Every structure is written in C-alpha cells, then in structure tokens.
Amino acid sequence: MRSMIFAFAVLCLVFATDSTVQAQQYRAMYNPSAAGNLGGAKYRPYTARTYSRHAINHGQILQHYGTSTESVPQATAQEHAAEVRKNLDAFAKEIDKLPKDFDNDPEAKKLIAEIRQHNAAAAKHCGMLEEECAKHMAAGGTVAKCCEDMLADLRAADAAHDKLMKHLGIPLPGHHAKKPEADKK
C-alpha cells in the first residue's frame, strides 16, 4: 500500500514538474524582452497583439464613417482599409512565427488554429471592403456591413490570441509589472 502511495506521489510530482517546466519554457521562448528577438525573428506576442488591435481600431473607424454617412470618400475609405489589411497581414505573419512544436499542447494548437481561421475570414471580408473602397464614393451602408462582419472575426482572433498568451504564461500588457507578493498581502 505504501509503495502505491509513493508511486502515486512521484507520478503527481512528475506531472506537476513537467507542466511547470513546459510553462517556463514557453515564457522564456516567447519573452518579448529577450535579447536577440527585437528584430522579429521569433514570435513577438505583444507585437502581434498590437497589430490585431490596430486592425480592429481602423475597422471601427471605417464602420463609424459607414453608419454615420451616406457615402464614405474614397481617400478616407481606402486609407483605413489599407491600414486594416496591413495590420491583419502583419498579425498573421506574427502568428506564423509560432513554432510547430505545439503537437504536444492541444490547447495551444486549438487556439492557434482558431486564430488562423478567424484571421482568414477577416481577410476575406477585408477584400470585399477594399473592393467597395475602390469606388469613387463608397456606399456607407455597404462599408458598415463589411466592417461589421470583418470586426466580428478580428475580435474573435484577438480574443483567441489573448487566451493563447494566457495559456503560454505570457502576461498581458500592464499585468507583468504586478508582483506575486502583492497578491499574498
């Protein structure tokens, strides 16, 4: 009986240690302040998050223009659509930098697939938006509808990315300054 309890305790310790080591490896691997990654050779979680948020912001602005006016001037529409595309593509490039070693981590693998799926759908909507914005005066209602559909996918990809960061043990911006000792007091 003692040997079974001992074996169970050792097994629990191994699993707990393995999870802790894996989380520490992820944090070290994706540490945005790690030297040598400032050029962007590795996945940069905060940079990816910034691209995602900028795409959402430009989409929201363009949606506002579409809902508040009958037509959106071509220059304004194209400017914001181009920024959405630029940030959407940059976000996708950052996600593509994630290593392929997530086969052993089903949750991370699932979240990455979800991000890519929503990003692809947002890119499709962005293409329709770009077509409408190429017109001399883009119809406000059409622009607003394209943005509404695109924003749903952009927000879903952004939320899945935040979940991935949390799963990998990467603190969200503003949360990393909080010290664990402060939680205990």
C-alpha atoms as a PDB file:
ATOM      1  CA  MET A   1       0.000   0.000   0.000  1.00  0.00           C
ATOM      2  CA  ARG A   2       2.825   2.376   0.888  1.00  0.00           C
ATOM      3  CA  SER A   3       4.541   1.666  -2.401  1.00  0.00           C
ATOM      4  CA  MET A   4       1.357   2.512  -4.296  1.00  0.00           C
ATOM      5  CA  ILE A   5       1.003   5.797  -2.424  1.00  0.00           C
ATOM      6  CA  PHE A   6       4.678   6.561  -3.013  1.00  0.00           C
ATOM      7  CA  ALA A   7       4.350   5.737  -6.724  1.00  0.00           C
ATOM      8  CA  PHE A   8       1.251   7.921  -6.991  1.00  0.00           C
ATOM      9  CA  ALA A   9       3.021  10.809  -5.238  1.00  0.00           C
ATOM     10  CA  VAL A  10       6.024  10.505  -7.556  1.00  0.00           C
ATOM     11  CA  LEU A  11       3.743  10.392 -10.578  1.00  0.00           C
ATOM     12  CA  CYS A  12       1.911  13.528  -9.432  1.00  0.00           C
ATOM     13  CA  LEU A  13       5.225  15.279  -8.845  1.00  0.00           C
ATOM     14  CA  VAL A  14       6.445  14.352 -12.327  1.00  0.00           C
ATOM     15  CA  PHE A  15       3.277  15.678 -13.987  1.00  0.00           C
ATOM     16  CA  ALA A  16       3.333  18.873 -11.931  1.00  0.00           C
ATOM     17  CA  THR A  17       7.024  19.426 -12.677  1.00  0.00           C
ATOM     18  CA  ASP A  18       6.520  18.729 -16.382  1.00  0.00           C
ATOM     19  CA  SER A  19       3.707  21.297 -16.612  1.00  0.00           C
ATOM     20  CA  THR A  20       5.743  23.885 -14.716  1.00  0.00           C
ATOM     21  CA  VAL A  21       8.821  23.275 -16.843  1.00  0.00           C
ATOM     22  CA  GLN A  22       6.760  23.486 -20.033  1.00  0.00           C
ATOM     23  CA  ALA A  23       5.196  26.791 -18.929  1.00  0.00           C
ATOM     24  CA  GLN A  24       8.634  28.173 -18.017  1.00  0.00           C
ATOM     25  CA  GLN A  25       9.990  27.107 -21.412  1.00  0.00           C
ATOM     26  CA  TYR A  26       7.126  28.890 -23.178  1.00  0.00           C
ATOM     27  CA  ARG A  27       7.636  32.045 -21.132  1.00  0.00           C
ATOM     28  CA  ALA A  28      11.368  32.011 -21.866  1.00  0.00           C
ATOM     29  CA  MET A  29      10.820  31.225 -25.540  1.00  0.00           C
ATOM     30  CA  TYR A  30       8.265  33.989 -26.065  1.00  0.00           C
ATOM     31  CA  ASN A  31       9.679  36.570 -23.719  1.00  0.00           C
ATOM     32  CA  PRO A  32       9.339  39.789 -25.695  1.00  0.00           C
ATOM     33  CA  SER A  33      12.216  41.380 -23.803  1.00  0.00           C
ATOM     34  CA  ALA A  34      14.627  38.554 -24.596  1.00  0.00           C
ATOM     35  CA  ALA A  35      17.744  39.832 -26.330  1.00  0.00           C
ATOM     36  CA  GLY A  36      18.005  38.950 -29.968  1.00  0.00           C
ATOM     37  CA  ASN A  37      14.303  38.999 -30.743  1.00  0.00           C
ATOM     38  CA  LEU A  38      13.854  42.708 -31.236  1.00  0.00           C
ATOM     39  CA  GLY A  39      14.269  42.199 -34.975  1.00  0.00           C
ATOM     40  CA  GLY A  40      11.270  39.904 -35.027  1.00  0.00           C
ATOM     41  CA  ALA A  41      12.814  36.535 -35.924  1.00  0.00           C
ATOM     42  CA  LYS A  42      10.681  34.850 -33.266  1.00  0.00           C
ATOM     43  CA  TYR A  43       7.034  35.207 -32.329  1.00  0.00           C
ATOM     44  CA  ARG A  44       6.511  38.545 -30.604  1.00  0.00           C
ATOM     45  CA  PRO A  45       3.269  38.261 -28.616  1.00  0.00           C
ATOM     46  CA  TYR A  46       2.888  41.948 -27.776  1.00  0.00           C
ATOM     47  CA  THR A  47       3.651  42.996 -31.340  1.00  0.00           C
ATOM     48  CA  ALA A  48       1.042  40.531 -32.622  1.00  0.00           C
ATOM     49  CA  ARG A  49      -1.464  41.911 -30.129  1.00  0.00           C
ATOM     50  CA  THR A  50      -0.730  45.463 -31.274  1.00  0.00           C
ATOM     51  CA  TYR A  51      -1.307  44.576 -34.939  1.00  0.00           C
ATOM     52  CA  SER A  52      -4.571  42.900 -34.011  1.00  0.00           C
ATOM     53  CA  ARG A  53      -5.781  45.881 -32.007  1.00  0.00           C
ATOM     54  CA  HIS A  54      -4.806  48.363 -34.733  1.00  0.00           C
ATOM     55  CA  ALA A  55      -6.744  46.392 -37.346  1.00  0.00           C
ATOM     56  CA  ILE A  56      -9.776  46.480 -35.048  1.00  0.00           C
ATOM     57  CA  ASN A  57      -9.401  50.231 -34.437  1.00  0.00           C
ATOM     58  CA  HIS A  58      -9.236  51.084 -38.138  1.00  0.00           C
ATOM     59  CA  GLY A  59     -12.190  48.800 -38.827  1.00  0.00           C
ATOM     60  CA  GLN A  60     -14.207  50.526 -36.116  1.00  0.00           C
ATOM     61  CA  ILE A  61     -13.418  53.964 -37.508  1.00  0.00           C
ATOM     62  CA  LEU A  62     -14.424  52.931 -41.005  1.00  0.00           C
ATOM     63  CA  GLN A  63     -17.589  51.297 -39.671  1.00  0.00           C
ATOM     64  CA  HIS A  64     -18.445  54.544 -37.873  1.00  0.00           C
ATOM     65  CA  TYR A  65     -18.000  56.525 -41.082  1.00  0.00           C
ATOM     66  CA  GLY A  66     -20.166  53.994 -42.927  1.00  0.00           C
ATOM     67  CA  THR A  67     -23.005  54.165 -40.413  1.00  0.00           C
ATOM     68  CA  SER A  68     -22.932  57.926 -39.930  1.00  0.00           C
ATOM     69  CA  THR A  69     -22.784  58.997 -43.582  1.00  0.00           C
ATOM     70  CA  GLU A  70     -24.488  58.000 -46.796  1.00  0.00           C
ATOM     71  CA  SER A  71     -21.141  57.525 -48.528  1.00  0.00           C
ATOM     72  CA  VAL A  72     -17.515  57.488 -47.457  1.00  0.00           C
ATOM     73  CA  PRO A  73     -14.994  59.483 -49.508  1.00  0.00           C
ATOM     74  CA  GLN A  74     -12.698  57.199 -51.471  1.00  0.00           C
ATOM     75  CA  ALA A  75      -9.458  58.505 -49.931  1.00  0.00           C
ATOM     76  CA  THR A  76     -10.726  58.036 -46.382  1.00  0.00           C
ATOM     77  CA  ALA A  77     -12.153  54.599 -47.083  1.00  0.00           C
ATOM     78  CA  GLN A  78      -9.009  53.393 -48.832  1.00  0.00           C
ATOM     79  CA  GLU A  79      -6.737  54.779 -46.122  1.00  0.00           C
ATOM     80  CA  HIS A  80      -8.468  52.857 -43.337  1.00  0.00           C
ATOM     81  CA  ALA A  81      -8.999  49.719 -45.437  1.00  0.00           C
ATOM     82  CA  ALA A  82      -5.272  49.710 -46.279  1.00  0.00           C
ATOM     83  CA  GLU A  83      -4.389  50.003 -42.589  1.00  0.00           C
ATOM     84  CA  VAL A  84      -6.738  47.149 -41.710  1.00  0.00           C
ATOM     85  CA  ARG A  85      -5.086  44.995 -44.399  1.00  0.00           C
ATOM     86  CA  LYS A  86      -1.568  45.981 -43.322  1.00  0.00           C
ATOM     87  CA  ASN A  87      -2.222  45.127 -39.675  1.00  0.00           C
ATOM     88  CA  LEU A  88      -4.195  41.988 -40.500  1.00  0.00           C
ATOM     89  CA  ASP A  89      -1.316  40.676 -42.634  1.00  0.00           C
ATOM     90  CA  ALA A  90       1.286  41.632 -40.007  1.00  0.00           C
ATOM     91  CA  PHE A  91      -0.729  39.848 -37.301  1.00  0.00           C
ATOM     92  CA  ALA A  92      -0.872  36.726 -39.489  1.00  0.00           C
ATOM     93  CA  LYS A  93       2.917  36.862 -40.024  1.00  0.00           C
ATOM     94  CA  GLU A  94       3.498  37.022 -36.279  1.00  0.00           C
ATOM     95  CA  ILE A  95       1.206  34.042 -35.699  1.00  0.00           C
ATOM     96  CA  ASP A  96       3.064  32.133 -38.446  1.00  0.00           C
ATOM     97  CA  LYS A  97       6.256  32.571 -36.401  1.00  0.00           C
ATOM     98  CA  LEU A  98       4.860  30.347 -33.665  1.00  0.00           C
ATOM     99  CA  PRO A  99       6.874  27.139 -33.621  1.00  0.00           C
ATOM    100  CA  LYS A 100       5.408  23.935 -34.913  1.00  0.00           C
ATOM    101  CA  ASP A 101       6.104  22.131 -31.614  1.00  0.00           C
ATOM    102  CA  PHE A 102       2.578  22.538 -30.286  1.00  0.00           C
ATOM    103  CA  ASP A 103       1.608  18.981 -31.243  1.00  0.00           C
ATOM    104  CA  ASN A 104       2.110  18.088 -27.573  1.00  0.00           C
ATOM    105  CA  ASP A 105      -0.010  21.014 -26.418  1.00  0.00           C
ATOM    106  CA  PRO A 106      -3.578  20.503 -27.660  1.00  0.00           C
ATOM    107  CA  GLU A 107      -4.886  23.741 -26.130  1.00  0.00           C
ATOM    108  CA  ALA A 108      -2.240  25.902 -27.816  1.00  0.00           C
ATOM    109  CA  LYS A 109      -2.722  24.025 -31.080  1.00  0.00           C
ATOM    110  CA  LYS A 110      -6.500  24.612 -30.888  1.00  0.00           C
ATOM    111  CA  LEU A 111      -6.108  28.329 -30.144  1.00  0.00           C
ATOM    112  CA  ILE A 112      -3.614  28.845 -32.967  1.00  0.00           C
ATOM    113  CA  ALA A 113      -5.987  27.128 -35.405  1.00  0.00           C
ATOM    114  CA  GLU A 114      -8.845  29.323 -34.146  1.00  0.00           C
ATOM    115  CA  ILE A 115      -6.752  32.491 -34.604  1.00  0.00           C
ATOM    116  CA  ARG A 116      -5.820  31.470 -38.142  1.00  0.00           C
ATOM    117  CA  GLN A 117      -9.427  30.598 -39.024  1.00  0.00           C
ATOM    118  CA  HIS A 118     -10.778  33.955 -37.835  1.00  0.00           C
ATOM    119  CA  ASN A 119      -7.882  35.803 -39.432  1.00  0.00           C
ATOM    120  CA  ALA A 120      -8.609  34.151 -42.804  1.00  0.00           C
ATOM    121  CA  ALA A 121     -12.298  35.055 -42.554  1.00  0.00           C
ATOM    122  CA  ALA A 122     -11.400  38.651 -41.643  1.00  0.00           C
ATOM    123  CA  ALA A 123      -9.053  38.793 -44.648  1.00  0.00           C
ATOM    124  CA  LYS A 124     -11.914  37.685 -46.907  1.00  0.00           C
ATOM    125  CA  HIS A 125     -14.170  40.447 -45.539  1.00  0.00           C
ATOM    126  CA  CYS A 126     -11.305  42.915 -45.873  1.00  0.00           C
ATOM    127  CA  GLY A 127     -11.075  42.035 -49.575  1.00  0.00           C
ATOM    128  CA  MET A 128     -14.744  42.869 -50.043  1.00  0.00           C
ATOM    129  CA  LEU A 129     -14.195  46.097 -48.109  1.00  0.00           C
ATOM    130  CA  GLU A 130     -11.245  47.025 -50.326  1.00  0.00           C
ATOM    131  CA  GLU A 131     -13.403  46.470 -53.431  1.00  0.00           C
ATOM    132  CA  GLU A 132     -16.082  48.815 -52.074  1.00  0.00           C
ATOM    133  CA  CYS A 133     -13.478  51.374 -51.014  1.00  0.00           C
ATOM    134  CA  ALA A 134     -12.027  51.472 -54.538  1.00  0.00           C
ATOM    135  CA  LYS A 135     -15.216  53.186 -55.724  1.00  0.00           C
ATOM    136  CA  HIS A 136     -15.286  56.968 -56.036  1.00  0.00           C
ATOM    137  CA  MET A 137     -17.704  57.255 -53.114  1.00  0.00           C
ATOM    138  CA  ALA A 138     -18.108  54.034 -51.166  1.00  0.00           C
ATOM    139  CA  ALA A 139     -21.684  53.369 -50.055  1.00  0.00           C
ATOM    140  CA  GLY A 140     -21.889  53.941 -46.310  1.00  0.00           C
ATOM    141  CA  GLY A 141     -24.205  51.005 -45.637  1.00  0.00           C
ATOM    142  CA  THR A 142     -22.036  48.574 -47.604  1.00  0.00           C
ATOM    143  CA  VAL A 143     -18.861  49.770 -45.878  1.00  0.00           C
ATOM    144  CA  ALA A 144     -20.539  49.464 -42.466  1.00  0.00           C
ATOM    145  CA  LYS A 145     -21.756  45.914 -43.206  1.00  0.00           C
ATOM    146  CA  CYS A 146     -18.323  44.792 -44.481  1.00  0.00           C
ATOM    147  CA  CYS A 147     -16.740  46.261 -41.354  1.00  0.00           C
ATOM    148  CA  GLU A 148     -19.318  44.646 -39.065  1.00  0.00           C
ATOM    149  CA  ASP A 149     -18.580  41.186 -40.482  1.00  0.00           C
ATOM    150  CA  MET A 150     -14.833  41.779 -40.535  1.00  0.00           C
ATOM    151  CA  LEU A 151     -14.777  43.152 -36.988  1.00  0.00           C
ATOM    152  CA  ALA A 152     -16.545  40.066 -35.625  1.00  0.00           C
ATOM    153  CA  ASP A 153     -13.694  37.897 -36.916  1.00  0.00           C
ATOM    154  CA  LEU A 154     -10.977  40.365 -35.928  1.00  0.00           C
ATOM    155  CA  ARG A 155     -12.307  40.477 -32.368  1.00  0.00           C
ATOM    156  CA  ALA A 156     -12.604  36.682 -32.200  1.00  0.00           C
ATOM    157  CA  ALA A 157      -8.996  36.269 -33.401  1.00  0.00           C
ATOM    158  CA  ASP A 158      -7.860  38.883 -30.871  1.00  0.00           C
ATOM    159  CA  ALA A 159      -9.684  37.124 -28.025  1.00  0.00           C
ATOM    160  CA  ALA A 160      -8.199  33.756 -29.018  1.00  0.00           C
ATOM    161  CA  HIS A 161      -4.753  35.352 -29.121  1.00  0.00           C
ATOM    162  CA  ASP A 162      -5.200  36.716 -25.592  1.00  0.00           C
ATOM    163  CA  LYS A 163      -6.226  33.202 -24.468  1.00  0.00           C
ATOM    164  CA  LEU A 164      -3.114  31.799 -26.145  1.00  0.00           C
ATOM    165  CA  MET A 165      -0.905  34.332 -24.371  1.00  0.00           C
ATOM    166  CA  LYS A 166      -2.506  33.432 -21.058  1.00  0.00           C
ATOM    167  CA  HIS A 167      -2.116  29.708 -21.789  1.00  0.00           C
ATOM    168  CA  LEU A 168       1.583  30.205 -22.607  1.00  0.00           C
ATOM    169  CA  GLY A 169       2.073  32.141 -19.369  1.00  0.00           C
ATOM    170  CA  ILE A 170       2.765  35.442 -21.138  1.00  0.00           C
ATOM    171  CA  PRO A 171       1.310  38.278 -19.069  1.00  0.00           C
ATOM    172  CA  LEU A 172      -0.948  40.686 -20.894  1.00  0.00           C
ATOM    173  CA  PRO A 173       0.494  44.192 -21.204  1.00  0.00           C
ATOM    174  CA  GLY A 174       0.165  46.072 -17.949  1.00  0.00           C
ATOM    175  CA  HIS A 175      -0.125  42.871 -15.922  1.00  0.00           C
ATOM    176  CA  HIS A 176       3.565  41.951 -15.945  1.00  0.00           C
ATOM    177  CA  ALA A 177       4.504  44.749 -13.525  1.00  0.00           C
ATOM    178  CA  LYS A 178       2.335  43.248 -10.780  1.00  0.00           C
ATOM    179  CA  LYS A 179       4.460  41.312  -8.312  1.00  0.00           C
ATOM    180  CA  PRO A 180       3.263  37.959  -6.935  1.00  0.00           C
ATOM    181  CA  GLU A 181       3.967  39.133  -3.365  1.00  0.00           C
ATOM    182  CA  ALA A 182       1.312  41.822  -3.773  1.00  0.00           C
ATOM    183  CA  ASP A 183      -1.297  39.099  -4.326  1.00  0.00           C
ATOM    184  CA  LYS A 184      -0.479  37.439  -0.981  1.00  0.00           C
ATOM    185  CA  LYS A 185      -0.954  40.567   1.143  1.00  0.00           C
END
